[in-house]
N, C-alpha and C. Protein backbone atom coordinates (compact mmCIF):
# COMPACT_ATOMS: atom_id res chain seq x y z
N UNK A 1 -1.48 -3.27 -19.62
CA UNK A 1 -2.11 -4.44 -19.04
C UNK A 1 -3.52 -4.07 -18.57
N UNK A 2 -4.47 -4.95 -18.74
CA UNK A 2 -5.82 -4.67 -18.22
C UNK A 2 -5.82 -4.71 -16.69
N UNK A 3 -6.70 -3.92 -16.12
CA UNK A 3 -6.81 -3.88 -14.67
C UNK A 3 -7.27 -5.25 -14.15
N UNK A 4 -6.61 -5.72 -13.13
CA UNK A 4 -6.98 -6.99 -12.52
C UNK A 4 -8.15 -6.78 -11.56
N UNK A 5 -9.00 -7.79 -11.38
CA UNK A 5 -10.09 -7.65 -10.42
C UNK A 5 -9.59 -7.39 -9.00
N UNK A 6 -8.43 -7.93 -8.67
CA UNK A 6 -7.86 -7.72 -7.33
C UNK A 6 -7.53 -6.25 -7.11
N UNK A 7 -7.08 -5.57 -8.17
CA UNK A 7 -6.76 -4.16 -8.06
C UNK A 7 -8.02 -3.33 -7.85
N UNK A 8 -9.04 -3.63 -8.63
CA UNK A 8 -10.29 -2.90 -8.52
C UNK A 8 -10.90 -3.09 -7.13
N UNK A 9 -10.88 -4.31 -6.63
CA UNK A 9 -11.37 -4.60 -5.28
C UNK A 9 -10.60 -3.79 -4.25
N UNK A 10 -9.31 -3.67 -4.46
CA UNK A 10 -8.43 -2.97 -3.53
C UNK A 10 -8.87 -1.53 -3.27
N UNK A 11 -9.17 -0.81 -4.32
CA UNK A 11 -9.54 0.60 -4.11
C UNK A 11 -11.04 0.82 -3.96
N UNK A 12 -11.87 -0.05 -4.53
CA UNK A 12 -13.32 0.16 -4.40
C UNK A 12 -13.79 0.04 -2.95
N UNK A 13 -13.14 -0.80 -2.19
CA UNK A 13 -13.48 -0.93 -0.76
C UNK A 13 -13.40 0.42 -0.07
N UNK A 14 -12.45 1.25 -0.47
CA UNK A 14 -12.25 2.54 0.19
C UNK A 14 -13.44 3.47 -0.01
N UNK A 15 -14.03 3.43 -1.18
CA UNK A 15 -15.22 4.25 -1.43
C UNK A 15 -16.35 3.83 -0.50
N UNK A 16 -16.53 2.55 -0.34
CA UNK A 16 -17.57 2.06 0.57
C UNK A 16 -17.31 2.54 1.99
N UNK A 17 -16.09 2.40 2.45
CA UNK A 17 -15.75 2.78 3.82
C UNK A 17 -15.98 4.28 4.05
N UNK A 18 -15.58 5.09 3.09
CA UNK A 18 -15.76 6.54 3.21
C UNK A 18 -17.24 6.91 3.28
N UNK A 19 -18.03 6.29 2.43
CA UNK A 19 -19.45 6.65 2.35
C UNK A 19 -20.33 5.98 3.41
N UNK A 20 -19.97 4.78 3.86
CA UNK A 20 -20.88 4.02 4.72
C UNK A 20 -20.34 3.70 6.11
N UNK A 21 -19.08 3.87 6.35
CA UNK A 21 -18.50 3.56 7.67
C UNK A 21 -18.07 4.86 8.34
N UNK A 22 -16.84 5.27 8.04
CA UNK A 22 -16.28 6.50 8.60
C UNK A 22 -15.20 6.97 7.63
N UNK A 23 -15.25 8.18 7.16
CA UNK A 23 -14.21 8.66 6.24
C UNK A 23 -12.79 8.48 6.79
N UNK A 24 -12.65 8.52 8.11
CA UNK A 24 -11.33 8.34 8.71
C UNK A 24 -10.78 6.93 8.49
N UNK A 25 -11.66 5.99 8.14
CA UNK A 25 -11.20 4.61 7.90
C UNK A 25 -10.15 4.55 6.79
N UNK A 26 -10.22 5.50 5.85
CA UNK A 26 -9.25 5.51 4.76
C UNK A 26 -7.82 5.68 5.28
N UNK A 27 -7.68 6.18 6.49
CA UNK A 27 -6.33 6.31 7.07
C UNK A 27 -5.68 4.94 7.28
N UNK A 28 -6.48 3.89 7.46
CA UNK A 28 -5.92 2.54 7.56
C UNK A 28 -5.31 2.10 6.24
N UNK A 29 -5.96 2.43 5.16
CA UNK A 29 -5.47 2.15 3.81
C UNK A 29 -4.16 2.91 3.57
N UNK A 30 -4.20 4.18 3.89
CA UNK A 30 -3.03 5.04 3.69
C UNK A 30 -1.86 4.57 4.54
N UNK A 31 -2.12 4.32 5.82
CA UNK A 31 -1.04 3.90 6.72
C UNK A 31 -0.43 2.57 6.28
N UNK A 32 -1.27 1.63 5.89
CA UNK A 32 -0.75 0.33 5.44
C UNK A 32 0.15 0.49 4.22
N UNK A 33 -0.31 1.23 3.23
CA UNK A 33 0.47 1.38 1.99
C UNK A 33 1.73 2.21 2.19
N UNK A 34 1.61 3.29 2.93
CA UNK A 34 2.78 4.14 3.16
C UNK A 34 3.83 3.39 3.99
N UNK A 35 3.39 2.57 4.92
CA UNK A 35 4.32 1.80 5.75
C UNK A 35 5.08 0.78 4.91
N UNK A 36 4.37 0.10 4.01
CA UNK A 36 5.04 -0.85 3.12
C UNK A 36 6.09 -0.12 2.30
N UNK A 37 5.71 1.00 1.72
CA UNK A 37 6.64 1.74 0.89
C UNK A 37 7.84 2.24 1.69
N UNK A 38 7.58 2.76 2.87
CA UNK A 38 8.65 3.32 3.69
C UNK A 38 9.62 2.25 4.15
N UNK A 39 9.10 1.06 4.42
CA UNK A 39 9.94 0.00 4.98
C UNK A 39 10.52 -0.95 3.95
N UNK A 40 9.89 -1.08 2.80
CA UNK A 40 10.28 -2.15 1.88
C UNK A 40 10.77 -1.71 0.51
N UNK A 41 10.75 -0.43 0.21
CA UNK A 41 11.08 -0.03 -1.15
C UNK A 41 12.53 0.42 -1.36
N UNK A 42 13.27 0.67 -0.30
CA UNK A 42 14.66 1.11 -0.48
C UNK A 42 15.46 0.05 -1.25
N UNK A 43 15.36 -1.20 -0.80
CA UNK A 43 16.12 -2.28 -1.46
C UNK A 43 15.65 -2.48 -2.90
N UNK A 44 14.32 -2.36 -3.12
CA UNK A 44 13.78 -2.55 -4.46
C UNK A 44 14.25 -1.43 -5.39
N UNK A 45 14.29 -0.22 -4.87
CA UNK A 45 14.79 0.92 -5.65
C UNK A 45 16.23 0.68 -6.07
N UNK A 46 17.05 0.23 -5.14
CA UNK A 46 18.46 -0.02 -5.46
C UNK A 46 18.61 -1.11 -6.53
N UNK A 47 17.83 -2.17 -6.38
CA UNK A 47 17.91 -3.27 -7.34
C UNK A 47 17.42 -2.85 -8.73
N UNK A 48 16.27 -2.18 -8.78
CA UNK A 48 15.73 -1.75 -10.08
C UNK A 48 16.62 -0.71 -10.76
N UNK A 49 17.18 0.20 -9.96
CA UNK A 49 18.07 1.21 -10.52
C UNK A 49 19.30 0.54 -11.12
N UNK A 50 19.85 -0.45 -10.42
CA UNK A 50 21.02 -1.15 -10.93
C UNK A 50 20.69 -1.93 -12.22
N UNK A 51 19.51 -2.50 -12.28
CA UNK A 51 19.13 -3.30 -13.45
C UNK A 51 18.69 -2.46 -14.64
N UNK A 52 17.88 -1.41 -14.38
CA UNK A 52 17.22 -0.71 -15.48
C UNK A 52 17.52 0.78 -15.57
N UNK A 53 18.23 1.32 -14.60
CA UNK A 53 18.54 2.74 -14.60
C UNK A 53 17.59 3.55 -13.74
N UNK A 54 18.05 4.73 -13.39
CA UNK A 54 17.33 5.61 -12.47
C UNK A 54 15.95 6.02 -12.99
N UNK A 55 15.84 6.31 -14.26
CA UNK A 55 14.55 6.78 -14.82
C UNK A 55 13.48 5.70 -14.77
N UNK A 56 13.86 4.45 -14.96
CA UNK A 56 12.89 3.36 -14.93
C UNK A 56 12.41 3.06 -13.51
N UNK A 57 13.18 3.44 -12.52
CA UNK A 57 12.82 3.16 -11.12
C UNK A 57 12.27 4.39 -10.41
N UNK A 58 11.98 5.44 -11.17
CA UNK A 58 11.59 6.73 -10.57
C UNK A 58 10.39 6.62 -9.62
N UNK A 59 9.34 5.90 -10.01
CA UNK A 59 8.15 5.76 -9.15
C UNK A 59 8.53 5.13 -7.81
N UNK A 60 9.30 4.06 -7.86
CA UNK A 60 9.71 3.38 -6.63
C UNK A 60 10.60 4.30 -5.80
N UNK A 61 11.51 5.01 -6.45
CA UNK A 61 12.44 5.91 -5.74
C UNK A 61 11.69 7.01 -5.01
N UNK A 62 10.70 7.60 -5.66
CA UNK A 62 9.92 8.67 -5.03
C UNK A 62 9.22 8.15 -3.78
N UNK A 63 8.60 6.98 -3.87
CA UNK A 63 7.91 6.42 -2.71
C UNK A 63 8.90 6.02 -1.61
N UNK A 64 10.02 5.45 -1.98
CA UNK A 64 11.02 5.06 -0.99
C UNK A 64 11.55 6.28 -0.23
N UNK A 65 11.70 7.40 -0.92
CA UNK A 65 12.23 8.61 -0.29
C UNK A 65 11.18 9.39 0.50
N UNK A 66 9.96 9.48 -0.03
CA UNK A 66 8.95 10.37 0.55
C UNK A 66 8.03 9.71 1.56
N UNK A 67 7.81 8.41 1.46
CA UNK A 67 6.79 7.77 2.28
C UNK A 67 7.12 7.67 3.78
N UNK A 68 8.38 7.61 4.20
CA UNK A 68 8.60 7.63 5.65
C UNK A 68 7.99 8.87 6.31
N UNK A 69 8.07 10.01 5.65
CA UNK A 69 7.44 11.23 6.18
C UNK A 69 5.92 11.12 6.16
N UNK A 70 5.38 10.45 5.16
CA UNK A 70 3.94 10.27 5.08
C UNK A 70 3.42 9.39 6.22
N UNK A 71 4.20 8.40 6.61
CA UNK A 71 3.81 7.53 7.74
C UNK A 71 3.72 8.37 9.00
N UNK A 72 4.72 9.19 9.23
CA UNK A 72 4.73 10.04 10.42
C UNK A 72 3.52 10.97 10.44
N UNK A 73 3.22 11.57 9.31
CA UNK A 73 2.07 12.48 9.24
C UNK A 73 0.75 11.73 9.43
N UNK A 74 0.64 10.53 8.88
CA UNK A 74 -0.57 9.74 9.05
C UNK A 74 -0.76 9.36 10.52
N UNK A 75 0.32 8.97 11.17
CA UNK A 75 0.23 8.62 12.60
C UNK A 75 -0.16 9.83 13.44
N UNK A 76 0.36 10.99 13.12
CA UNK A 76 -0.02 12.20 13.84
C UNK A 76 -1.51 12.49 13.68
N UNK A 77 -2.01 12.34 12.47
CA UNK A 77 -3.43 12.58 12.23
C UNK A 77 -4.28 11.56 12.99
N UNK A 78 -3.90 10.30 12.91
CA UNK A 78 -4.65 9.24 13.60
C UNK A 78 -4.63 9.45 15.10
N UNK A 79 -3.50 9.84 15.63
CA UNK A 79 -3.40 10.08 17.08
C UNK A 79 -4.28 11.22 17.55
N UNK A 80 -4.65 12.11 16.65
CA UNK A 80 -5.53 13.22 16.99
C UNK A 80 -7.02 12.89 16.91
N UNK A 81 -7.34 11.69 16.45
CA UNK A 81 -8.75 11.30 16.30
C UNK A 81 -9.29 10.75 17.62
N UNK A 82 -10.59 10.82 17.77
CA UNK A 82 -11.25 10.23 18.93
C UNK A 82 -11.09 8.71 18.87
N UNK A 83 -10.90 8.10 20.00
CA UNK A 83 -10.66 6.66 20.09
C UNK A 83 -11.75 5.82 19.41
N UNK A 84 -12.98 6.33 19.38
CA UNK A 84 -14.09 5.59 18.77
C UNK A 84 -13.90 5.38 17.27
N UNK A 85 -13.02 6.14 16.65
CA UNK A 85 -12.80 6.04 15.20
C UNK A 85 -11.68 5.07 14.84
N UNK A 86 -10.94 4.61 15.84
CA UNK A 86 -9.76 3.79 15.57
C UNK A 86 -10.09 2.39 15.11
N UNK A 87 -11.22 1.86 15.51
CA UNK A 87 -11.59 0.50 15.14
C UNK A 87 -11.68 0.34 13.62
N UNK A 88 -12.36 1.25 12.95
CA UNK A 88 -12.49 1.17 11.49
C UNK A 88 -11.12 1.32 10.81
N UNK A 89 -10.26 2.13 11.38
CA UNK A 89 -8.91 2.29 10.82
C UNK A 89 -8.13 0.99 10.95
N UNK A 90 -8.20 0.36 12.11
CA UNK A 90 -7.50 -0.91 12.32
C UNK A 90 -8.02 -2.01 11.41
N UNK A 91 -9.33 -2.08 11.25
CA UNK A 91 -9.92 -3.07 10.33
C UNK A 91 -9.41 -2.83 8.92
N UNK A 92 -9.33 -1.57 8.53
CA UNK A 92 -8.88 -1.25 7.17
C UNK A 92 -7.41 -1.55 6.97
N UNK A 93 -6.60 -1.40 7.98
CA UNK A 93 -5.18 -1.79 7.86
C UNK A 93 -5.10 -3.27 7.51
N UNK A 94 -5.84 -4.08 8.24
CA UNK A 94 -5.81 -5.53 8.02
C UNK A 94 -6.36 -5.89 6.64
N UNK A 95 -7.48 -5.30 6.25
CA UNK A 95 -8.07 -5.59 4.94
C UNK A 95 -7.14 -5.13 3.82
N UNK A 96 -6.53 -3.99 3.98
CA UNK A 96 -5.61 -3.48 2.96
C UNK A 96 -4.43 -4.42 2.78
N UNK A 97 -3.85 -4.87 3.87
CA UNK A 97 -2.72 -5.81 3.78
C UNK A 97 -3.14 -7.09 3.06
N UNK A 98 -4.31 -7.58 3.39
CA UNK A 98 -4.81 -8.80 2.76
C UNK A 98 -5.02 -8.59 1.26
N UNK A 99 -5.67 -7.50 0.89
CA UNK A 99 -5.92 -7.21 -0.52
C UNK A 99 -4.63 -6.95 -1.28
N UNK A 100 -3.68 -6.30 -0.66
CA UNK A 100 -2.39 -6.02 -1.30
C UNK A 100 -1.68 -7.34 -1.62
N UNK A 101 -1.72 -8.27 -0.66
CA UNK A 101 -1.12 -9.59 -0.91
C UNK A 101 -1.83 -10.30 -2.07
N UNK A 102 -3.14 -10.14 -2.16
CA UNK A 102 -3.88 -10.73 -3.28
C UNK A 102 -3.40 -10.17 -4.61
N UNK A 103 -3.13 -8.88 -4.64
CA UNK A 103 -2.62 -8.26 -5.87
C UNK A 103 -1.26 -8.84 -6.24
N UNK A 104 -0.38 -8.95 -5.25
CA UNK A 104 0.95 -9.50 -5.51
C UNK A 104 0.87 -10.94 -6.00
N UNK A 105 -0.02 -11.74 -5.37
CA UNK A 105 -0.20 -13.13 -5.81
C UNK A 105 -0.72 -13.18 -7.24
N UNK A 106 -1.65 -12.29 -7.59
CA UNK A 106 -2.19 -12.26 -8.95
C UNK A 106 -1.11 -11.86 -9.96
N UNK A 107 -0.26 -10.93 -9.58
CA UNK A 107 0.84 -10.53 -10.47
C UNK A 107 1.79 -11.70 -10.69
N UNK A 108 2.07 -12.41 -9.63
CA UNK A 108 2.96 -13.57 -9.75
C UNK A 108 2.33 -14.64 -10.65
N UNK A 109 1.03 -14.87 -10.46
CA UNK A 109 0.35 -15.86 -11.30
C UNK A 109 0.36 -15.44 -12.76
N UNK A 110 0.16 -14.16 -13.04
CA UNK A 110 0.18 -13.68 -14.43
C UNK A 110 1.58 -13.79 -15.03
N UNK A 111 2.58 -13.71 -14.18
CA UNK A 111 3.96 -13.85 -14.67
C UNK A 111 4.32 -15.32 -14.87
N UNK A 112 3.35 -16.19 -14.68
CA UNK A 112 3.59 -17.62 -14.89
C UNK A 112 4.34 -18.27 -13.76
N UNK A 113 4.28 -17.67 -12.56
CA UNK A 113 4.96 -18.27 -11.42
C UNK A 113 6.47 -18.10 -11.48
N UNK A 114 6.95 -17.24 -12.38
CA UNK A 114 8.40 -17.07 -12.55
C UNK A 114 9.01 -16.14 -11.52
N UNK A 115 8.15 -15.46 -10.74
CA UNK A 115 8.64 -14.54 -9.72
C UNK A 115 8.76 -15.29 -8.41
N UNK A 116 9.91 -15.20 -7.78
CA UNK A 116 10.10 -15.86 -6.50
C UNK A 116 9.65 -14.93 -5.37
N UNK A 117 8.95 -15.51 -4.40
CA UNK A 117 8.53 -14.72 -3.23
C UNK A 117 9.73 -14.46 -2.34
N UNK A 118 9.74 -13.28 -1.73
CA UNK A 118 10.81 -12.94 -0.79
C UNK A 118 10.66 -13.78 0.46
N UNK A 119 11.78 -14.19 1.00
CA UNK A 119 11.75 -15.04 2.21
C UNK A 119 11.44 -14.24 3.45
């Protein structure tokens, strides 16, 4: 599949933040994504494994298993930063969540609206 503009926007923002804001801002991106994976992928892994087999769900399984530890490590790193750096991290958490939702909406639209949103 060709890369969607929403996907490109999602990661290009991080380059700007690293170069022009504060490199620590990328921790907001990391924390947002790792938290989603740690909290939301266990059920998806189980469903995909049941439908398509363990090998087809490997990417999801790895993130579901490993990302809870990544969240803890990210929080430890963030807690060690000076308070003046937290604002950019918080802004990036919010922007990352917004952009991630845009990607999911674009995927649903490309699927012809056949994907139901989780309640």
